[in-house]
Structure formats: C-alpha cells, structure tokens
Amino acid sequence: MRKTEHNLSLLRMIFGVGLIISNVVTAKLIYTGINLFGVTVSLPGAALCYAITFLMTDVIGEIWGRDEANKTVIFGFICQVLATALIVLTGFLPAADLNVQEAYDTVLGQNYIFVVGSLIAYFASQSWDVWIFHKIRDRYISRHRDSRCGRWIWNNLSTMTSQIIDTVLFIGVSFGIGFGWLFDKEMHPALFAMMVGQYVLKFLLAIADTPFFYLLTRKSDY
C-alpha cells in the first residue's frame, strides 16, 4: 500500500466502521460451546470486528508513522462519543410504533453500559498499542537495516499485549461493574472465563492478521 492521503483515509474509514459496529453488536453474546473452569465460554459480539481496528492502526503506524496512528485513535474516540450521542438522542425521540421502539431498546438500549467500558478500554489499549508498536519497531530498526523480516514481531507483540488491556478493562467494566458480575461471587467464574476466552480468540486473530499486515505494508514507499 502506497503512502497516500487516499489510502490513509480509507484505512481510517475501515477503522471507524469496525469500531462503531463493535459497539453496536457487542451486546450479543456468542456461544462457543467451550468449557473453561466449569463454565461455558461466551464472547461479546464485538470480538471479531474490533480486532480489525488494531490491524488498521498497525498498518497506519508502519507506513505513516506514530503521529498519524495516534490521530486515528483520537478520531476513533470522537466517533464513539458522537455515535453514542446519536443513538441516545434517537432513542428518546417519540416512536410511531411501540414494537419498533422496544426492539430498538433491546438492540441498542444496553449500548450505554458497553460504551463506557468500550471508551475506557479503547483509549487505554489503543494508546498502548501505538506506543509499544513503535517502541519495539524503533529498537529493531536501530539494530537491523531491513525491517521487513521483523515486522511480525512488533505487529504481534503490540496487538497481543494491548488486547490484554482491552479485554480486562472492557469486560471488567461492562460485565463486571455494569452487569454486576463483579459483585456476585457466583458470576466470578463466568467473568473470568469470558476474559480468558475472549483473549484467546483475540490472540489467535492477532496471529491471523499478520499476513494481512505484511500484504498491506509490503509495497509502501515510506
């Protein structure tokens, strides 16, 4: 991917879509059928599409640099706040059909709980992702002339570590505090199983996105 404003805008658009949709679908718990600590693991619906955002910031950081990656994180934060405000405003407007309003509240009514957890987890994990990505990258490049062979190192390590922060904060705030699982001893195994299960999935997704990272950055002219 070439270093052009068009491509940067495209990646940011994909980043924004993945981020906003992850907030919309996160209320749906995905049944995995996997038992962990005696509890069947469930995953928030956002687990898949949210992983795209880390790939986008890594590609932007690799080609356009740390400052542009940080700008993308800030733009994403603004997008989340704006999307939440619009969802809340629309929910308060009088409905012509009460059944539609009930469906709206069912699908998007829990959005407030998840957005608080998402904003906290998002800003902490994405900021860490950009920082550690360039920390590892800069150190590697200072010792090796060719960065192509080592790209998988900072791509994977930055994503895998940032996903720990994201998983613990998002599930801890949204489900632990928002749903009260943290204050119910009977729900502690489910809370912990969800954290571990979601992180394992994110870990595998981080490995799976490596070929895409190489594909998108292999022809960059930075």
C-alpha atoms as a PDB file:
ATOM      1  CA  MET A   1       0.000   0.000   0.000  1.00  0.00           C
ATOM      2  CA  ARG A   2       1.366   3.364  -1.025  1.00  0.00           C
ATOM      3  CA  LYS A   3       1.710   6.302   1.334  1.00  0.00           C
ATOM      4  CA  THR A   4      -1.099   8.496   0.005  1.00  0.00           C
ATOM      5  CA  GLU A   5      -3.831  10.567   1.656  1.00  0.00           C
ATOM      6  CA  HIS A   6      -6.406   8.448  -0.161  1.00  0.00           C
ATOM      7  CA  ASN A   7      -5.105   5.227   1.384  1.00  0.00           C
ATOM      8  CA  LEU A   8      -4.808   6.824   4.814  1.00  0.00           C
ATOM      9  CA  SER A   9      -8.432   7.975   4.625  1.00  0.00           C
ATOM     10  CA  LEU A  10      -9.509   4.502   3.504  1.00  0.00           C
ATOM     11  CA  LEU A  11      -7.793   2.799   6.445  1.00  0.00           C
ATOM     12  CA  ARG A  12      -9.282   5.307   8.874  1.00  0.00           C
ATOM     13  CA  MET A  13     -12.718   4.708   7.415  1.00  0.00           C
ATOM     14  CA  ILE A  14     -12.329   0.938   7.924  1.00  0.00           C
ATOM     15  CA  PHE A  15     -11.052   1.632  11.436  1.00  0.00           C
ATOM     16  CA  GLY A  16     -14.079   3.791  12.238  1.00  0.00           C
ATOM     17  CA  VAL A  17     -16.584   1.291  10.840  1.00  0.00           C
ATOM     18  CA  GLY A  18     -15.055  -1.590  12.774  1.00  0.00           C
ATOM     19  CA  LEU A  19     -15.025   0.479  15.952  1.00  0.00           C
ATOM     20  CA  ILE A  20     -18.625   1.725  15.781  1.00  0.00           C
ATOM     21  CA  ILE A  21     -20.079  -1.622  14.688  1.00  0.00           C
ATOM     22  CA  SER A  22     -18.249  -3.356  17.533  1.00  0.00           C
ATOM     23  CA  ASN A  23     -20.160  -1.171  19.997  1.00  0.00           C
ATOM     24  CA  VAL A  24     -23.468  -1.997  18.308  1.00  0.00           C
ATOM     25  CA  VAL A  25     -23.038  -5.783  18.218  1.00  0.00           C
ATOM     26  CA  THR A  26     -21.170  -6.285  21.482  1.00  0.00           C
ATOM     27  CA  ALA A  27     -24.394  -6.880  23.451  1.00  0.00           C
ATOM     28  CA  LYS A  28     -24.845 -10.192  21.642  1.00  0.00           C
ATOM     29  CA  LEU A  29     -23.027 -12.969  23.469  1.00  0.00           C
ATOM     30  CA  ILE A  30     -21.619 -15.620  21.166  1.00  0.00           C
ATOM     31  CA  TYR A  31     -21.978 -19.216  22.337  1.00  0.00           C
ATOM     32  CA  THR A  32     -18.728 -21.116  21.826  1.00  0.00           C
ATOM     33  CA  GLY A  33     -19.527 -24.497  23.385  1.00  0.00           C
ATOM     34  CA  ILE A  34     -16.112 -24.379  25.079  1.00  0.00           C
ATOM     35  CA  ASN A  35     -15.988 -25.147  28.801  1.00  0.00           C
ATOM     36  CA  LEU A  36     -13.448 -23.275  30.886  1.00  0.00           C
ATOM     37  CA  PHE A  37     -13.231 -23.527  34.686  1.00  0.00           C
ATOM     38  CA  GLY A  38     -16.537 -25.353  34.631  1.00  0.00           C
ATOM     39  CA  VAL A  39     -18.271 -22.550  32.747  1.00  0.00           C
ATOM     40  CA  THR A  40     -19.296 -22.401  29.101  1.00  0.00           C
ATOM     41  CA  VAL A  41     -17.373 -19.552  27.496  1.00  0.00           C
ATOM     42  CA  SER A  42     -19.368 -16.748  25.902  1.00  0.00           C
ATOM     43  CA  LEU A  43     -17.808 -13.983  23.833  1.00  0.00           C
ATOM     44  CA  PRO A  44     -19.076 -10.454  23.172  1.00  0.00           C
ATOM     45  CA  GLY A  45     -20.144  -9.984  19.564  1.00  0.00           C
ATOM     46  CA  ALA A  46     -17.513  -7.270  19.150  1.00  0.00           C
ATOM     47  CA  ALA A  47     -14.619  -9.723  19.454  1.00  0.00           C
ATOM     48  CA  LEU A  48     -14.273 -10.204  15.706  1.00  0.00           C
ATOM     49  CA  CYS A  49     -14.833  -6.756  14.207  1.00  0.00           C
ATOM     50  CA  TYR A  50     -12.914  -4.936  16.961  1.00  0.00           C
ATOM     51  CA  ALA A  51      -9.767  -6.867  16.026  1.00  0.00           C
ATOM     52  CA  ILE A  52      -9.781  -5.022  12.697  1.00  0.00           C
ATOM     53  CA  THR A  53      -9.082  -1.733  14.464  1.00  0.00           C
ATOM     54  CA  PHE A  54      -5.720  -2.928  15.774  1.00  0.00           C
ATOM     55  CA  LEU A  55      -4.684  -4.080  12.317  1.00  0.00           C
ATOM     56  CA  MET A  56      -5.583  -0.661  10.900  1.00  0.00           C
ATOM     57  CA  THR A  57      -3.582   1.312  13.489  1.00  0.00           C
ATOM     58  CA  ASP A  58      -0.601  -1.008  12.998  1.00  0.00           C
ATOM     59  CA  VAL A  59      -0.670  -0.506   9.226  1.00  0.00           C
ATOM     60  CA  ILE A  60      -1.072   3.254   9.623  1.00  0.00           C
ATOM     61  CA  GLY A  61       1.756   3.347  12.140  1.00  0.00           C
ATOM     62  CA  GLU A  62       4.051   1.289   9.924  1.00  0.00           C
ATOM     63  CA  ILE A  63       3.518   3.430   6.817  1.00  0.00           C
ATOM     64  CA  TRP A  64       2.518   6.903   8.036  1.00  0.00           C
ATOM     65  CA  GLY A  65       4.175   6.899  11.450  1.00  0.00           C
ATOM     66  CA  ARG A  66       3.287   7.156  15.113  1.00  0.00           C
ATOM     67  CA  ASP A  67       1.664  10.601  14.971  1.00  0.00           C
ATOM     68  CA  GLU A  68      -0.880   9.537  12.343  1.00  0.00           C
ATOM     69  CA  ALA A  69      -1.652   6.354  14.288  1.00  0.00           C
ATOM     70  CA  ASN A  70      -2.273   8.418  17.425  1.00  0.00           C
ATOM     71  CA  LYS A  71      -4.529  10.775  15.456  1.00  0.00           C
ATOM     72  CA  THR A  72      -6.519   7.772  14.293  1.00  0.00           C
ATOM     73  CA  VAL A  73      -7.024   6.676  17.908  1.00  0.00           C
ATOM     74  CA  ILE A  74      -8.247  10.153  18.850  1.00  0.00           C
ATOM     75  CA  PHE A  75     -10.553  10.333  15.813  1.00  0.00           C
ATOM     76  CA  GLY A  76     -11.972   6.950  16.788  1.00  0.00           C
ATOM     77  CA  PHE A  77     -12.676   8.170  20.314  1.00  0.00           C
ATOM     78  CA  ILE A  78     -14.586  11.146  18.923  1.00  0.00           C
ATOM     79  CA  CYS A  79     -16.536   8.830  16.593  1.00  0.00           C
ATOM     80  CA  GLN A  80     -17.588   6.637  19.506  1.00  0.00           C
ATOM     81  CA  VAL A  81     -18.816   9.598  21.546  1.00  0.00           C
ATOM     82  CA  LEU A  82     -20.723  11.021  18.578  1.00  0.00           C
ATOM     83  CA  ALA A  83     -22.277   7.648  17.700  1.00  0.00           C
ATOM     84  CA  THR A  84     -23.402   7.147  21.288  1.00  0.00           C
ATOM     85  CA  ALA A  85     -24.939  10.620  21.435  1.00  0.00           C
ATOM     86  CA  LEU A  86     -26.883   9.972  18.224  1.00  0.00           C
ATOM     87  CA  ILE A  87     -28.100   6.576  19.452  1.00  0.00           C
ATOM     88  CA  VAL A  88     -29.267   8.070  22.755  1.00  0.00           C
ATOM     89  CA  LEU A  89     -30.952  11.021  21.036  1.00  0.00           C
ATOM     90  CA  THR A  90     -32.758   8.758  18.572  1.00  0.00           C
ATOM     91  CA  GLY A  91     -33.909   6.520  21.418  1.00  0.00           C
ATOM     92  CA  PHE A  92     -35.572   9.450  23.200  1.00  0.00           C
ATOM     93  CA  LEU A  93     -37.484  10.630  20.142  1.00  0.00           C
ATOM     94  CA  PRO A  94     -41.188   9.582  20.119  1.00  0.00           C
ATOM     95  CA  ALA A  95     -41.773   6.325  18.271  1.00  0.00           C
ATOM     96  CA  ALA A  96     -44.574   5.749  15.763  1.00  0.00           C
ATOM     97  CA  ASP A  97     -44.534   2.031  16.563  1.00  0.00           C
ATOM     98  CA  LEU A  98     -44.011   0.855  20.148  1.00  0.00           C
ATOM     99  CA  ASN A  99     -42.897  -2.574  18.965  1.00  0.00           C
ATOM    100  CA  VAL A 100     -40.128  -0.978  16.927  1.00  0.00           C
ATOM    101  CA  GLN A 101     -39.154   1.144  19.951  1.00  0.00           C
ATOM    102  CA  GLU A 102     -38.974  -1.974  22.105  1.00  0.00           C
ATOM    103  CA  ALA A 103     -36.783  -3.697  19.514  1.00  0.00           C
ATOM    104  CA  TYR A 104     -34.594  -0.575  19.327  1.00  0.00           C
ATOM    105  CA  ASP A 105     -34.159  -0.543  23.106  1.00  0.00           C
ATOM    106  CA  THR A 106     -33.397  -4.268  23.115  1.00  0.00           C
ATOM    107  CA  VAL A 107     -30.702  -3.971  20.474  1.00  0.00           C
ATOM    108  CA  LEU A 108     -29.215  -0.592  21.368  1.00  0.00           C
ATOM    109  CA  GLY A 109     -30.523   0.097  24.864  1.00  0.00           C
ATOM    110  CA  GLN A 110     -27.577  -1.627  26.503  1.00  0.00           C
ATOM    111  CA  ASN A 111     -25.230   0.439  24.398  1.00  0.00           C
ATOM    112  CA  TYR A 112     -24.640   2.921  27.229  1.00  0.00           C
ATOM    113  CA  ILE A 113     -23.150   0.288  29.526  1.00  0.00           C
ATOM    114  CA  PHE A 114     -20.891  -1.068  26.845  1.00  0.00           C
ATOM    115  CA  VAL A 115     -19.813   2.326  25.548  1.00  0.00           C
ATOM    116  CA  VAL A 116     -18.455   3.347  28.953  1.00  0.00           C
ATOM    117  CA  GLY A 117     -16.432   0.137  29.137  1.00  0.00           C
ATOM    118  CA  SER A 118     -15.501   0.434  25.487  1.00  0.00           C
ATOM    119  CA  LEU A 119     -14.252   4.022  25.760  1.00  0.00           C
ATOM    120  CA  ILE A 120     -12.082   3.224  28.775  1.00  0.00           C
ATOM    121  CA  ALA A 121     -10.710   0.014  27.272  1.00  0.00           C
ATOM    122  CA  TYR A 122     -10.360   1.542  23.825  1.00  0.00           C
ATOM    123  CA  PHE A 123      -8.293   4.542  24.801  1.00  0.00           C
ATOM    124  CA  ALA A 124      -6.030   2.575  27.143  1.00  0.00           C
ATOM    125  CA  SER A 125      -5.421  -0.378  24.796  1.00  0.00           C
ATOM    126  CA  GLN A 126      -5.099   1.585  21.548  1.00  0.00           C
ATOM    127  CA  SER A 127      -2.713   4.103  23.120  1.00  0.00           C
ATOM    128  CA  TRP A 128      -0.604   1.246  24.425  1.00  0.00           C
ATOM    129  CA  ASP A 129      -0.747  -0.498  21.048  1.00  0.00           C
ATOM    130  CA  VAL A 130       0.634   2.537  19.204  1.00  0.00           C
ATOM    131  CA  TRP A 131       3.297   3.218  21.861  1.00  0.00           C
ATOM    132  CA  ILE A 132       4.652  -0.332  22.187  1.00  0.00           C
ATOM    133  CA  PHE A 133       4.422  -0.901  18.415  1.00  0.00           C
ATOM    134  CA  HIS A 134       6.830   1.967  17.721  1.00  0.00           C
ATOM    135  CA  LYS A 135       8.970   1.243  20.767  1.00  0.00           C
ATOM    136  CA  ILE A 136       9.735  -2.268  19.514  1.00  0.00           C
ATOM    137  CA  ARG A 137       9.903  -1.171  15.876  1.00  0.00           C
ATOM    138  CA  ASP A 138      12.359   1.676  16.505  1.00  0.00           C
ATOM    139  CA  ARG A 139      14.644  -0.505  18.597  1.00  0.00           C
ATOM    140  CA  TYR A 140      14.649  -3.263  15.984  1.00  0.00           C
ATOM    141  CA  ILE A 141      15.339  -0.882  13.107  1.00  0.00           C
ATOM    142  CA  SER A 142      18.192   0.759  15.031  1.00  0.00           C
ATOM    143  CA  ARG A 143      19.919  -2.647  15.080  1.00  0.00           C
ATOM    144  CA  HIS A 144      18.881  -4.002  11.684  1.00  0.00           C
ATOM    145  CA  ARG A 145      18.781  -2.222   8.357  1.00  0.00           C
ATOM    146  CA  ASP A 146      15.959  -4.294   6.870  1.00  0.00           C
ATOM    147  CA  SER A 147      12.712  -4.041   8.824  1.00  0.00           C
ATOM    148  CA  ARG A 148      10.678  -6.386   6.632  1.00  0.00           C
ATOM    149  CA  CYS A 149      11.761  -9.561   8.389  1.00  0.00           C
ATOM    150  CA  GLY A 150      10.910  -8.194  11.807  1.00  0.00           C
ATOM    151  CA  ARG A 151       7.545  -6.643  11.101  1.00  0.00           C
ATOM    152  CA  TRP A 152       5.686  -9.637  12.518  1.00  0.00           C
ATOM    153  CA  ILE A 153       7.432  -9.050  15.874  1.00  0.00           C
ATOM    154  CA  TRP A 154       6.084  -5.581  16.631  1.00  0.00           C
ATOM    155  CA  ASN A 155       2.823  -6.257  14.835  1.00  0.00           C
ATOM    156  CA  ASN A 156       2.045  -9.293  17.011  1.00  0.00           C
ATOM    157  CA  LEU A 157       3.549  -8.163  20.308  1.00  0.00           C
ATOM    158  CA  SER A 158       1.815  -4.795  20.223  1.00  0.00           C
ATOM    159  CA  THR A 159      -1.565  -6.321  19.387  1.00  0.00           C
ATOM    160  CA  MET A 160      -1.299  -9.257  21.781  1.00  0.00           C
ATOM    161  CA  THR A 161      -0.336  -7.106  24.770  1.00  0.00           C
ATOM    162  CA  SER A 162      -2.838  -4.346  24.015  1.00  0.00           C
ATOM    163  CA  GLN A 163      -5.599  -6.931  23.728  1.00  0.00           C
ATOM    164  CA  ILE A 164      -4.935  -7.998  27.320  1.00  0.00           C
ATOM    165  CA  ILE A 165      -5.590  -4.431  28.454  1.00  0.00           C
ATOM    166  CA  ASP A 166      -8.648  -4.135  26.238  1.00  0.00           C
ATOM    167  CA  THR A 167     -10.147  -7.453  27.357  1.00  0.00           C
ATOM    168  CA  VAL A 168      -9.693  -6.951  31.094  1.00  0.00           C
ATOM    169  CA  LEU A 169     -10.929  -3.355  31.106  1.00  0.00           C
ATOM    170  CA  PHE A 170     -13.864  -3.822  28.734  1.00  0.00           C
ATOM    171  CA  ILE A 171     -15.261  -6.986  30.301  1.00  0.00           C
ATOM    172  CA  GLY A 172     -14.416  -5.801  33.813  1.00  0.00           C
ATOM    173  CA  VAL A 173     -16.264  -2.511  33.389  1.00  0.00           C
ATOM    174  CA  SER A 174     -19.130  -3.633  31.110  1.00  0.00           C
ATOM    175  CA  PHE A 175     -19.970  -7.018  32.568  1.00  0.00           C
ATOM    176  CA  GLY A 176     -18.186  -6.885  35.919  1.00  0.00           C
ATOM    177  CA  ILE A 177     -19.497  -3.480  37.023  1.00  0.00           C
ATOM    178  CA  GLY A 178     -22.275  -2.756  34.503  1.00  0.00           C
ATOM    179  CA  PHE A 179     -23.978  -6.136  34.866  1.00  0.00           C
ATOM    180  CA  GLY A 180     -22.877  -6.542  38.491  1.00  0.00           C
ATOM    181  CA  TRP A 181     -20.977  -9.784  37.898  1.00  0.00           C
ATOM    182  CA  LEU A 182     -18.020  -8.467  39.887  1.00  0.00           C
ATOM    183  CA  PHE A 183     -20.181  -8.212  42.989  1.00  0.00           C
ATOM    184  CA  ASP A 184     -21.749 -11.661  42.608  1.00  0.00           C
ATOM    185  CA  LYS A 185     -19.419 -14.491  43.605  1.00  0.00           C
ATOM    186  CA  GLU A 186     -21.433 -16.973  41.563  1.00  0.00           C
ATOM    187  CA  MET A 187     -20.673 -14.965  38.412  1.00  0.00           C
ATOM    188  CA  HIS A 188     -16.911 -14.684  39.008  1.00  0.00           C
ATOM    189  CA  PRO A 189     -16.127 -17.915  37.093  1.00  0.00           C
ATOM    190  CA  ALA A 190     -18.218 -16.694  34.142  1.00  0.00           C
ATOM    191  CA  LEU A 191     -16.499 -13.301  34.236  1.00  0.00           C
ATOM    192  CA  PHE A 192     -13.032 -14.841  34.317  1.00  0.00           C
ATOM    193  CA  ALA A 193     -13.908 -17.421  31.669  1.00  0.00           C
ATOM    194  CA  MET A 194     -15.170 -14.644  29.390  1.00  0.00           C
ATOM    195  CA  MET A 195     -11.906 -12.714  29.827  1.00  0.00           C
ATOM    196  CA  VAL A 196      -9.744 -15.743  29.123  1.00  0.00           C
ATOM    197  CA  GLY A 197     -11.921 -16.963  26.246  1.00  0.00           C
ATOM    198  CA  GLN A 198     -12.071 -13.579  24.565  1.00  0.00           C
ATOM    199  CA  TYR A 199      -8.345 -13.053  24.918  1.00  0.00           C
ATOM    200  CA  VAL A 200      -7.567 -16.462  23.421  1.00  0.00           C
ATOM    201  CA  LEU A 201      -9.725 -15.563  20.430  1.00  0.00           C
ATOM    202  CA  LYS A 202      -8.020 -12.156  20.109  1.00  0.00           C
ATOM    203  CA  PHE A 203      -4.626 -13.845  20.423  1.00  0.00           C
ATOM    204  CA  LEU A 204      -5.461 -16.138  17.511  1.00  0.00           C
ATOM    205  CA  LEU A 205      -6.836 -13.231  15.490  1.00  0.00           C
ATOM    206  CA  ALA A 206      -3.613 -11.302  16.101  1.00  0.00           C
ATOM    207  CA  ILE A 207      -1.661 -14.182  14.579  1.00  0.00           C
ATOM    208  CA  ALA A 208      -4.149 -14.484  11.719  1.00  0.00           C
ATOM    209  CA  ASP A 209      -3.872 -10.814  10.766  1.00  0.00           C
ATOM    210  CA  THR A 210      -0.085 -10.998  10.286  1.00  0.00           C
ATOM    211  CA  PRO A 211      -0.315 -11.972   6.575  1.00  0.00           C
ATOM    212  CA  PHE A 212      -2.696  -9.049   6.001  1.00  0.00           C
ATOM    213  CA  PHE A 213      -0.288  -6.709   7.781  1.00  0.00           C
ATOM    214  CA  TYR A 214       2.546  -7.838   5.507  1.00  0.00           C
ATOM    215  CA  LEU A 215       0.298  -7.608   2.458  1.00  0.00           C
ATOM    216  CA  LEU A 216      -0.766  -4.050   3.202  1.00  0.00           C
ATOM    217  CA  THR A 217       2.736  -2.806   4.069  1.00  0.00           C
ATOM    218  CA  ARG A 218       4.914  -4.721   1.596  1.00  0.00           C
ATOM    219  CA  LYS A 219       4.793  -2.117  -1.201  1.00  0.00           C
ATOM    220  CA  SER A 220       4.787   1.009   0.917  1.00  0.00           C
ATOM    221  CA  ASP A 221       7.211   3.696  -0.201  1.00  0.00           C
ATOM    222  CA  TYR A 222       7.827   5.372   3.157  1.00  0.00           C
END
